[in-house]
Amino acid sequence: MTDTSTPIPPRMLRTAEAARFLGLSGRTLEKHRTFGTGPTYKKIGGRVIYAVGDLQAWADRGARTSTTDPAASVVHPARRPRPPAAWSVGG
């Protein structure tokens, strides 16, 4: 008889598995991690791991029902975010 009262920990995926889960390349997911635009991750020793729930939550931020939906929450591209206009030099 198994003990069902013990919760099962969330499934953790390495970068390649997480990228496949999201339908991205591993390199794109690495870029998101570098620029801070990607899903939450954990670093255990030298290994980067992602919880499936965190991947799903990040992907859900991009959910829309039409092209006219307001962008209340956006999944940004894997590139360095642009600084606000107030940061411009010489202005």
Protein backbone atom coordinates (compact mmCIF):
# COMPACT_ATOMS: atom_id res chain seq x y z
CA MET A 1 0.00 0.00 0.00
CA THR A 2 1.43 3.39 -0.97
CA ASP A 3 1.33 6.52 1.18
CA THR A 4 -0.65 9.11 -0.79
CA SER A 5 -0.31 11.80 1.90
CA THR A 6 3.27 12.63 0.84
CA PRO A 7 3.15 15.24 -1.91
CA ILE A 8 5.11 14.50 -5.06
CA PRO A 9 7.75 17.18 -5.64
CA PRO A 10 7.43 19.20 -8.83
CA ARG A 11 9.15 17.67 -11.84
CA MET A 12 12.43 19.41 -12.53
CA LEU A 13 13.82 19.69 -16.07
CA ARG A 14 17.31 20.49 -17.34
CA THR A 15 17.71 23.21 -19.97
CA ALA A 16 17.35 20.93 -23.01
CA GLU A 17 14.22 19.25 -21.61
CA ALA A 18 12.74 22.60 -20.55
CA ALA A 19 13.37 24.04 -24.01
CA ARG A 20 11.59 21.08 -25.63
CA PHE A 21 8.70 21.50 -23.20
CA LEU A 22 8.34 25.15 -24.31
CA GLY A 23 8.99 24.46 -27.99
CA LEU A 24 12.16 26.57 -27.98
CA SER A 25 15.79 25.81 -28.68
CA GLY A 26 18.10 25.27 -25.74
CA ARG A 27 20.13 28.29 -26.87
CA THR A 28 17.05 30.54 -26.83
CA LEU A 29 16.25 29.44 -23.28
CA GLU A 30 19.87 30.13 -22.27
CA LYS A 31 19.59 33.64 -23.76
CA HIS A 32 16.37 34.25 -21.82
CA ARG A 33 18.20 33.23 -18.65
CA THR A 34 21.12 35.56 -19.43
CA PHE A 35 18.90 38.57 -20.13
CA GLY A 36 16.46 37.93 -17.29
CA THR A 37 13.48 37.56 -19.64
CA GLY A 38 12.89 33.85 -19.14
CA PRO A 39 11.19 31.56 -16.67
CA THR A 40 12.31 31.20 -13.07
CA TYR A 41 15.09 28.65 -12.65
CA LYS A 42 17.17 27.14 -9.88
CA LYS A 43 20.86 26.44 -9.85
CA ILE A 44 21.94 23.36 -7.97
CA GLY A 45 25.69 23.03 -7.97
CA GLY A 46 26.56 23.82 -11.57
CA ARG A 47 23.26 22.59 -12.98
CA VAL A 48 20.36 24.77 -14.05
CA ILE A 49 16.94 23.23 -13.51
CA TYR A 50 13.40 24.42 -14.13
CA ALA A 51 10.19 23.39 -12.37
CA VAL A 52 7.49 22.42 -14.84
CA GLY A 53 5.06 24.74 -13.02
CA ASP A 54 7.42 27.70 -13.49
CA LEU A 55 7.77 26.94 -17.19
CA GLN A 56 4.02 26.71 -17.61
CA ALA A 57 3.43 29.95 -15.66
CA TRP A 58 5.97 31.80 -17.83
CA ALA A 59 4.42 30.46 -21.03
CA ASP A 60 0.93 31.36 -19.78
CA ARG A 61 1.99 35.02 -19.55
CA GLY A 62 1.83 35.07 -23.34
CA ALA A 63 -1.73 33.69 -23.53
CA ARG A 64 -4.10 35.77 -25.64
CA THR A 65 -7.57 35.23 -27.08
CA SER A 66 -7.10 37.61 -30.01
CA THR A 67 -4.55 39.94 -31.58
CA THR A 68 -6.34 42.89 -29.97
CA ASP A 69 -5.93 41.65 -26.39
CA PRO A 70 -4.16 44.24 -24.25
CA ALA A 71 -0.60 43.27 -23.38
CA ALA A 72 -1.10 43.21 -19.61
CA SER A 73 1.62 40.60 -19.33
CA VAL A 74 4.20 39.97 -22.00
CA VAL A 75 6.73 37.25 -22.72
CA HIS A 76 9.65 39.28 -24.04
CA PRO A 77 12.02 38.10 -26.77
CA ALA A 78 15.38 36.64 -25.78
CA ARG A 79 17.41 39.80 -26.03
CA ARG A 80 18.70 42.44 -23.68
CA PRO A 81 15.82 44.67 -22.54
CA ARG A 82 16.05 48.25 -23.75
CA PRO A 83 16.61 50.82 -21.01
CA PRO A 84 13.76 53.27 -20.35
CA ALA A 85 13.86 56.50 -22.40
CA ALA A 86 14.67 58.42 -19.21
CA TRP A 87 18.08 56.71 -19.22
CA SER A 88 19.09 58.19 -22.57
CA VAL A 89 22.27 60.19 -22.65
CA GLY A 90 22.31 63.83 -23.73
CA GLY A 91 18.56 64.29 -23.29
